[in-house]
PDB file of N, CA and C in Angstrom:
ATOM      1  N   MET A   1      59.901  99.454 164.858  1.00  0.00           N
ATOM      2  CA  MET A   1      58.691  99.042 164.174  1.00  0.00           C
ATOM      3  C   MET A   1      58.780  97.559 163.864  1.00  0.00           C
ATOM      4  N   SER A   2      57.668  96.863 164.018  1.00  0.00           N
ATOM      5  CA  SER A   2      57.655  95.418 163.825  1.00  0.00           C
ATOM      6  C   SER A   2      57.730  95.060 162.347  1.00  0.00           C
ATOM      7  N   ASN A   3      58.247  93.884 162.097  1.00  0.00           N
ATOM      8  CA  ASN A   3      58.348  93.385 160.741  1.00  0.00           C
ATOM      9  C   ASN A   3      57.161  92.463 160.483  1.00  0.00           C
ATOM     10  N   TYR A   4      56.279  92.856 159.575  1.00  0.00           N
ATOM     11  CA  TYR A   4      55.084  92.079 159.263  1.00  0.00           C
ATOM     12  C   TYR A   4      55.223  91.323 157.953  1.00  0.00           C
ATOM     13  N   SER A   5      56.438  91.103 157.488  1.00  0.00           N
ATOM     14  CA  SER A   5      56.619  90.466 156.181  1.00  0.00           C
ATOM     15  C   SER A   5      56.236  88.990 156.194  1.00  0.00           C
ATOM     16  N   ASN A   6      56.303  88.331 157.358  1.00  0.00           N
ATOM     17  CA  ASN A   6      55.972  86.908 157.404  1.00  0.00           C
ATOM     18  C   ASN A   6      54.496  86.652 157.734  1.00  0.00           C
ATOM     19  N   ILE A   7      53.713  87.699 157.894  1.00  0.00           N
ATOM     20  CA  ILE A   7      52.283  87.556 158.166  1.00  0.00           C
ATOM     21  C   ILE A   7      51.538  87.542 156.831  1.00  0.00           C
ATOM     22  N   PRO A   8      50.593  86.610 156.645  1.00  0.00           N
ATOM     23  CA  PRO A   8      49.838  86.608 155.389  1.00  0.00           C
ATOM     24  C   PRO A   8      48.990  87.876 155.244  1.00  0.00           C
ATOM     25  N   ASP A   9      48.698  88.237 154.007  1.00  0.00           N
ATOM     26  CA  ASP A   9      47.939  89.462 153.730  1.00  0.00           C
ATOM     27  C   ASP A   9      46.572  89.463 154.409  1.00  0.00           C
ATOM     28  N   SER A  10      45.991  88.298 154.579  1.00  0.00           N
ATOM     29  CA  SER A  10      44.659  88.233 155.185  1.00  0.00           C
ATOM     30  C   SER A  10      44.671  88.545 156.675  1.00  0.00           C
ATOM     31  N   HIS A  11      45.846  88.549 157.291  1.00  0.00           N
ATOM     32  CA  HIS A  11      45.950  88.800 158.729  1.00  0.00           C
ATOM     33  C   HIS A  11      46.810  90.018 159.068  1.00  0.00           C
ATOM     34  N   LYS A  12      47.203  90.795 158.067  1.00  0.00           N
ATOM     35  CA  LYS A  12      48.053  91.960 158.342  1.00  0.00           C
ATOM     36  C   LYS A  12      47.286  92.986 159.163  1.00  0.00           C
ATOM     37  N   PRO A  13      47.919  93.549 160.181  1.00  0.00           N
ATOM     38  CA  PRO A  13      47.237  94.548 161.008  1.00  0.00           C
ATOM     39  C   PRO A  13      47.019  95.854 160.247  1.00  0.00           C
ATOM     40  N   ILE A  14      46.018  96.588 160.687  1.00  0.00           N
ATOM     41  CA  ILE A  14      45.723  97.892 160.107  1.00  0.00           C
ATOM     42  C   ILE A  14      46.456  98.937 160.936  1.00  0.00           C
ATOM     43  N   SER A  15      47.093  99.879 160.271  1.00  0.00           N
ATOM     44  CA  SER A  15      47.824 100.917 160.999  1.00  0.00           C
ATOM     45  C   SER A  15      46.861 101.918 161.613  1.00  0.00           C
ATOM     46  N   MET A  16      47.379 102.760 162.485  1.00  0.00           N
ATOM     47  CA  MET A  16      46.558 103.786 163.109  1.00  0.00           C
ATOM     48  C   MET A  16      45.995 104.726 162.056  1.00  0.00           C
ATOM     49  N   TRP A  17      46.800 105.094 161.073  1.00  0.00           N
ATOM     50  CA  TRP A  17      46.317 105.959 159.996  1.00  0.00           C
ATOM     51  C   TRP A  17      45.314 105.236 159.114  1.00  0.00           C
ATOM     52  N   GLY A  18      45.453 103.908 159.015  1.00  0.00           N
ATOM     53  CA  GLY A  18      44.482 103.124 158.271  1.00  0.00           C
ATOM     54  C   GLY A  18      43.108 103.176 158.930  1.00  0.00           C
ATOM     55  N   TYR A  19      43.085 102.995 160.251  1.00  0.00           N
ATOM     56  CA  TYR A  19      41.817 103.104 160.984  1.00  0.00           C
ATOM     57  C   TYR A  19      41.228 104.500 160.818  1.00  0.00           C
ATOM     58  N   PHE A  20      42.068 105.515 160.911  1.00  0.00           N
ATOM     59  CA  PHE A  20      41.618 106.896 160.762  1.00  0.00           C
ATOM     60  C   PHE A  20      41.008 107.117 159.374  1.00  0.00           C
ATOM     61  N   GLY A  21      41.679 106.608 158.357  1.00  0.00           N
ATOM     62  CA  GLY A  21      41.181 106.747 156.990  1.00  0.00           C
ATOM     63  C   GLY A  21      39.871 106.006 156.767  1.00  0.00           C
ATOM     64  N   TYR A  22      39.768 104.800 157.328  1.00  0.00           N
ATOM     65  CA  TYR A  22      38.517 104.052 157.184  1.00  0.00           C
ATOM     66  C   TYR A  22      37.382 104.724 157.941  1.00  0.00           C
ATOM     67  N   GLU A  23      37.674 105.326 159.092  1.00  0.00           N
ATOM     68  CA  GLU A  23      36.642 106.079 159.822  1.00  0.00           C
ATOM     69  C   GLU A  23      36.106 107.220 158.956  1.00  0.00           C
ATOM     70  N   ILE A  24      37.008 107.935 158.300  1.00  0.00           N
ATOM     71  CA  ILE A  24      36.585 109.030 157.424  1.00  0.00           C
ATOM     72  C   ILE A  24      35.797 108.484 156.233  1.00  0.00           C
ATOM     73  N   LEU A  25      36.262 107.381 155.658  1.00  0.00           N
ATOM     74  CA  LEU A  25      35.561 106.774 154.521  1.00  0.00           C
ATOM     75  C   LEU A  25      34.158 106.331 154.914  1.00  0.00           C
ATOM     76  N   PHE A  26      34.026 105.685 156.071  1.00  0.00           N
ATOM     77  CA  PHE A  26      32.720 105.204 156.513  1.00  0.00           C
ATOM     78  C   PHE A  26      31.794 106.349 156.908  1.00  0.00           C
ATOM     79  N   ALA A  27      32.337 107.533 157.171  1.00  0.00           N
ATOM     80  CA  ALA A  27      31.512 108.674 157.569  1.00  0.00           C
ATOM     81  C   ALA A  27      30.867 109.376 156.376  1.00  0.00           C
ATOM     82  N   ILE A  28      31.299 109.080 155.168  1.00  0.00           N
ATOM     83  CA  ILE A  28      30.680 109.671 153.980  1.00  0.00           C
ATOM     84  C   ILE A  28      29.268 109.095 153.866  1.00  0.00           C
ATOM     85  N   PRO A  29      28.243 109.946 153.745  1.00  0.00           N
ATOM     86  CA  PRO A  29      26.864 109.469 153.891  1.00  0.00           C
ATOM     87  C   PRO A  29      26.462 108.235 153.081  1.00  0.00           C
ATOM     88  N   VAL A  30      26.449 108.253 151.788  1.00  0.00           N
ATOM     89  CA  VAL A  30      25.935 107.110 151.027  1.00  0.00           C
ATOM     90  C   VAL A  30      27.063 106.161 150.638  1.00  0.00           C
ATOM     91  N   VAL A  31      28.123 106.708 150.110  1.00  0.00           N
ATOM     92  CA  VAL A  31      29.251 105.893 149.653  1.00  0.00           C
ATOM     93  C   VAL A  31      29.876 105.141 150.825  1.00  0.00           C
ATOM     94  N   GLY A  32      30.024 105.816 151.947  1.00  0.00           N
ATOM     95  CA  GLY A  32      30.616 105.188 153.121  1.00  0.00           C
ATOM     96  C   GLY A  32      29.791 104.018 153.620  1.00  0.00           C
ATOM     97  N   PHE A  33      28.467 104.161 153.595  1.00  0.00           N
ATOM     98  CA  PHE A  33      27.601 103.067 154.034  1.00  0.00           C
ATOM     99  C   PHE A  33      27.710 101.876 153.091  1.00  0.00           C
ATOM    100  N   ILE A  34      27.796 102.138 151.797  1.00  0.00           N
ATOM    101  CA  ILE A  34      27.933 101.048 150.820  1.00  0.00           C
ATOM    102  C   ILE A  34      29.271 100.339 151.012  1.00  0.00           C
ATOM    103  N   VAL A  35      30.347 101.103 151.180  1.00  0.00           N
ATOM    104  CA  VAL A  35      31.665 100.501 151.398  1.00  0.00           C
ATOM    105  C   VAL A  35      31.675  99.730 152.711  1.00  0.00           C
ATOM    106  N   LEU A  36      31.033 100.266 153.737  1.00  0.00           N
ATOM    107  CA  LEU A  36      30.936  99.581 155.025  1.00  0.00           C
ATOM    108  C   LEU A  36      30.245  98.236 154.863  1.00  0.00           C
ATOM    109  N   LEU A  37      29.140  98.208 154.130  1.00  0.00           N
ATOM    110  CA  LEU A  37      28.437  96.943 153.899  1.00  0.00           C
ATOM    111  C   LEU A  37      29.296  95.952 153.109  1.00  0.00           C
ATOM    112  N   VAL A  38      29.980  96.451 152.089  1.00  0.00           N
ATOM    113  CA  VAL A  38      30.821  95.563 151.275  1.00  0.00           C
ATOM    114  C   VAL A  38      31.928  94.953 152.129  1.00  0.00           C
ATOM    115  N   PHE A  39      32.602  95.781 152.925  1.00  0.00           N
ATOM    116  CA  PHE A  39      33.688  95.264 153.767  1.00  0.00           C
ATOM    117  C   PHE A  39      33.149  94.344 154.858  1.00  0.00           C
ATOM    118  N   ALA A  40      32.005  94.682 155.444  1.00  0.00           N
ATOM    119  CA  ALA A  40      31.454  93.871 156.529  1.00  0.00           C
ATOM    120  C   ALA A  40      30.957  92.518 156.029  1.00  0.00           C
ATOM    121  N   LEU A  41      30.503  92.461 154.801  1.00  0.00           N
ATOM    122  CA  LEU A  41      29.968  91.212 154.260  1.00  0.00           C
ATOM    123  C   LEU A  41      31.014  90.383 153.525  1.00  0.00           C
ATOM    124  N   GLY A  42      32.277  90.748 153.635  1.00  0.00           N
ATOM    125  CA  GLY A  42      33.339  89.911 153.086  1.00  0.00           C
ATOM    126  C   GLY A  42      33.962  90.413 151.812  1.00  0.00           C
ATOM    127  N   GLY A  43      33.838  91.692 151.510  1.00  0.00           N
ATOM    128  CA  GLY A  43      34.405  92.243 150.292  1.00  0.00           C
ATOM    129  C   GLY A  43      35.893  92.511 150.380  1.00  0.00           C
ATOM    130  N   THR A  44      36.514  92.157 151.475  1.00  0.00           N
ATOM    131  CA  THR A  44      37.949  92.335 151.635  1.00  0.00           C
ATOM    132  C   THR A  44      38.555  91.038 152.148  1.00  0.00           C
ATOM    133  N   SER A  45      39.795  90.804 151.778  1.00  0.00           N
ATOM    134  CA  SER A  45      40.448  89.577 152.242  1.00  0.00           C
ATOM    135  C   SER A  45      41.095  89.765 153.609  1.00  0.00           C
ATOM    136  N   ASN A  46      41.225  91.018 154.074  1.00  0.00           N
ATOM    137  CA  ASN A  46      41.851  91.287 155.366  1.00  0.00           C
ATOM    138  C   ASN A  46      40.827  91.076 156.481  1.00  0.00           C
ATOM    139  N   ILE A  47      41.106  90.127 157.344  1.00  0.00           N
ATOM    140  CA  ILE A  47      40.194  89.788 158.438  1.00  0.00           C
ATOM    141  C   ILE A  47      40.046  90.956 159.402  1.00  0.00           C
ATOM    142  N   ASN A  48      41.113  91.691 159.659  1.00  0.00           N
ATOM    143  CA  ASN A  48      41.053  92.820 160.584  1.00  0.00           C
ATOM    144  C   ASN A  48      40.148  93.924 160.051  1.00  0.00           C
ATOM    145  N   LEU A  49      40.232  94.214 158.777  1.00  0.00           N
ATOM    146  CA  LEU A  49      39.382  95.228 158.175  1.00  0.00           C
ATOM    147  C   LEU A  49      37.922  94.770 158.158  1.00  0.00           C
ATOM    148  N   ARG A  50      37.697  93.498 157.874  1.00  0.00           N
ATOM    149  CA  ARG A  50      36.335  92.970 157.882  1.00  0.00           C
ATOM    150  C   ARG A  50      35.719  93.064 159.279  1.00  0.00           C
ATOM    151  N   ASN A  51      36.491  92.711 160.311  1.00  0.00           N
ATOM    152  CA  ASN A  51      35.984  92.795 161.683  1.00  0.00           C
ATOM    153  C   ASN A  51      35.753  94.239 162.106  1.00  0.00           C
ATOM    154  N   PHE A  52      36.617  95.147 161.674  1.00  0.00           N
ATOM    155  CA  PHE A  52      36.425  96.569 161.982  1.00  0.00           C
ATOM    156  C   PHE A  52      35.147  97.083 161.334  1.00  0.00           C
ATOM    157  N   ALA A  53      34.915  96.708 160.087  1.00  0.00           N
ATOM    158  CA  ALA A  53      33.688  97.126 159.396  1.00  0.00           C
ATOM    159  C   ALA A  53      32.457  96.528 160.062  1.00  0.00           C
ATOM    160  N   ARG A  54      32.551  95.294 160.518  1.00  0.00           N
ATOM    161  CA  ARG A  54      31.427  94.679 161.212  1.00  0.00           C
ATOM    162  C   ARG A  54      31.130  95.389 162.530  1.00  0.00           C
ATOM    163  N   SER A  55      32.180  95.787 163.241  1.00  0.00           N
ATOM    164  CA  SER A  55      31.959  96.499 164.501  1.00  0.00           C
ATOM    165  C   SER A  55      31.335  97.871 164.246  1.00  0.00           C
ATOM    166  N   LYS A  56      31.765  98.552 163.192  1.00  0.00           N
ATOM    167  CA  LYS A  56      31.149  99.840 162.845  1.00  0.00           C
ATOM    168  C   LYS A  56      29.691  99.654 162.436  1.00  0.00           C
ATOM    169  N   PHE A  57      29.388  98.578 161.738  1.00  0.00           N
ATOM    170  CA  PHE A  57      28.020  98.308 161.321  1.00  0.00           C
ATOM    171  C   PHE A  57      27.129  98.015 162.536  1.00  0.00           C
ATOM    172  N   CYS A  58      27.632  97.228 163.482  1.00  0.00           N
ATOM    173  CA  CYS A  58      26.872  96.964 164.713  1.00  0.00           C
ATOM    174  C   CYS A  58      26.650  98.249 165.494  1.00  0.00           C
ATOM    175  N   TYR A  59      27.674  99.092 165.571  1.00  0.00           N
ATOM    176  CA  TYR A  59      27.548 100.383 166.253  1.00  0.00           C
ATOM    177  C   TYR A  59      26.474 101.232 165.575  1.00  0.00           C
ATOM    178  N   LEU A  60      26.453 101.232 164.259  1.00  0.00           N
ATOM    179  CA  LEU A  60      25.451 101.994 163.507  1.00  0.00           C
ATOM    180  C   LEU A  60      24.039 101.479 163.778  1.00  0.00           C
ATOM    181  N   ILE A  61      23.871 100.170 163.810  1.00  0.00           N
ATOM    182  CA  ILE A  61      22.564  99.587 164.086  1.00  0.00           C
ATOM    183  C   ILE A  61      22.102  99.947 165.498  1.00  0.00           C
ATOM    184  N   ILE A  62      23.003  99.861 166.488  1.00  0.00           N
ATOM    185  CA  ILE A  62      22.652 100.207 167.863  1.00  0.00           C
ATOM    186  C   ILE A  62      22.253 101.674 167.959  1.00  0.00           C
ATOM    187  N   CYS A  63      22.989 102.561 167.285  1.00  0.00           N
ATOM    188  CA  CYS A  63      22.648 103.991 167.299  1.00  0.00           C
ATOM    189  C   CYS A  63      21.283 104.236 166.665  1.00  0.00           C
ATOM    190  N   ILE A  64      20.993 103.564 165.573  1.00  0.00           N
ATOM    191  CA  ILE A  64      19.692 103.727 164.914  1.00  0.00           C
ATOM    192  C   ILE A  64      18.561 103.247 165.817  1.00  0.00           C
ATOM    193  N   ILE A  65      18.764 102.137 166.517  1.00  0.00           N
ATOM    194  CA  ILE A  65      17.741 101.627 167.432  1.00  0.00           C
ATOM    195  C   ILE A  65      17.514 102.597 168.582  1.00  0.00           C
ATOM    196  N   ILE A  66      18.595 103.119 169.162  1.00  0.00           N
ATOM    197  CA  ILE A  66      18.461 104.063 170.278  1.00  0.00           C
ATOM    198  C   ILE A  66      17.770 105.341 169.819  1.00  0.00           C
ATOM    199  N   ILE A  67      18.156 105.862 168.679  1.00  0.00           N
ATOM    200  CA  ILE A  67      17.508 107.077 168.153  1.00  0.00           C
ATOM    201  C   ILE A  67      16.036 106.802 167.857  1.00  0.00           C
ATOM    202  N   GLY A  68      15.736 105.632 167.307  1.00  0.00           N
ATOM    203  CA  GLY A  68      14.349 105.267 167.048  1.00  0.00           C
ATOM    204  C   GLY A  68      13.522 105.198 168.322  1.00  0.00           C
ATOM    205  N   ILE A  69      14.087 104.611 169.363  1.00  0.00           N
ATOM    206  CA  ILE A  69      13.382 104.534 170.648  1.00  0.00           C
ATOM    207  C   ILE A  69      13.161 105.927 171.213  1.00  0.00           C
ATOM    208  N   LEU A  70      14.194 106.763 171.157  1.00  0.00           N
ATOM    209  CA  LEU A  70      14.052 108.129 171.669  1.00  0.00           C
ATOM    210  C   LEU A  70      13.012 108.917 170.879  1.00  0.00           C
ATOM    211  N   LEU A  71      13.001 108.759 169.569  1.00  0.00           N
ATOM    212  CA  LEU A  71      12.012 109.453 168.752  1.00  0.00           C
ATOM    213  C   LEU A  71      10.606 108.947 169.043  1.00  0.00           C
ATOM    214  N   MET A  72      10.462 107.639 169.186  1.00  0.00           N
ATOM    215  CA  MET A  72       9.140 107.078 169.453  1.00  0.00           C
ATOM    216  C   MET A  72       8.614 107.528 170.815  1.00  0.00           C
ATOM    217  N   THR A  73       9.470 107.533 171.825  1.00  0.00           N
ATOM    218  CA  THR A  73       9.007 107.968 173.139  1.00  0.00           C
ATOM    219  C   THR A  73       8.692 109.454 173.128  1.00  0.00           C
ATOM    220  N   GLY A  74       9.464 110.229 172.396  1.00  0.00           N
ATOM    221  CA  GLY A  74       9.176 111.657 172.281  1.00  0.00           C
ATOM    222  C   GLY A  74       7.903 111.915 171.511  1.00  0.00           C
ATOM    223  N   VAL A  75       7.707 111.181 170.443  1.00  0.00           N
ATOM    224  CA  VAL A  75       6.501 111.345 169.633  1.00  0.00           C
ATOM    225  C   VAL A  75       5.285 110.895 170.423  1.00  0.00           C
ATOM    226  N   LEU A  76       5.402 109.750 171.097  1.00  0.00           N
ATOM    227  CA  LEU A  76       4.268 109.263 171.878  1.00  0.00           C
ATOM    228  C   LEU A  76       3.955 110.193 173.041  1.00  0.00           C
ATOM    229  N   THR A  77       4.983 110.743 173.670  1.00  0.00           N
ATOM    230  CA  THR A  77       4.763 111.678 174.764  1.00  0.00           C
ATOM    231  C   THR A  77       4.053 112.928 174.258  1.00  0.00           C
ATOM    232  N   GLY A  78       4.495 113.457 173.158  1.00  0.00           N
ATOM    233  CA  GLY A  78       3.846 114.624 172.571  1.00  0.00           C
ATOM    234  C   GLY A  78       2.442 114.319 172.113  1.00  0.00           C
ATOM    235  N   PHE A  79       2.232 113.128 171.581  1.00  0.00           N
ATOM    236  CA  PHE A  79       0.906 112.720 171.123  1.00  0.00           C
ATOM    237  C   PHE A  79      -0.070 112.592 172.288  1.00  0.00           C
ATOM    238  N   LEU A  80       0.399 111.999 173.387  1.00  0.00           N
ATOM    239  CA  LEU A  80      -0.462 111.831 174.555  1.00  0.00           C
ATOM    240  C   LEU A  80      -0.757 113.177 175.235  1.00  0.00           C
ATOM    241  N   GLN A  81       0.225 114.067 175.227  1.00  0.00           N
ATOM    242  CA  GLN A  81       0.007 115.372 175.848  1.00  0.00           C
ATOM    243  C   GLN A  81      -1.018 116.187 175.069  1.00  0.00           C
ATOM    244  N   THR A  82      -1.148 115.964 173.782  1.00  0.00           N
ATOM    245  CA  THR A  82      -2.119 116.709 172.988  1.00  0.00           C
ATOM    246  C   THR A  82      -3.545 116.334 173.389  1.00  0.00           C
ATOM    247  N   PHE A  83      -3.752 115.052 173.725  1.00  0.00           N
ATOM    248  CA  PHE A  83      -5.107 114.627 174.091  1.00  0.00           C
ATOM    249  C   PHE A  83      -5.447 114.969 175.539  1.00  0.00           C
ATOM    250  N   GLN A  84      -4.439 115.237 176.375  1.00  0.00           N
ATOM    251  CA  GLN A  84      -4.719 115.565 177.761  1.00  0.00           C
ATOM    252  C   GLN A  84      -5.106 117.005 177.944  1.00  0.00           C
ATOM    253  N   LYS A  85      -4.876 117.836 176.965  1.00  0.00           N
ATOM    254  CA  LYS A  85      -5.195 119.278 177.095  1.00  0.00           C
ATOM    255  C   LYS A  85      -6.626 119.549 176.899  1.00  0.00           C
TER     256      LYS A  85
END
């Protein structure tokens, strides 16, 4: 195992279990989203954790956009089919 004692706290790597724990934390519906926003907007001094939170936030935004597009196309398709009958 590597020795990380000479690395500053702001650059310490996150362990595999750390990533796993943060994934579970971010999956909690309301609290997880608030913690995700706090970490993504600079609420932590660890750069790795901040970047991980930012990547999860971008992933969440992309998923919301895709779901929105799918819902809109489904709704519009259903709406148009009602008038064609």
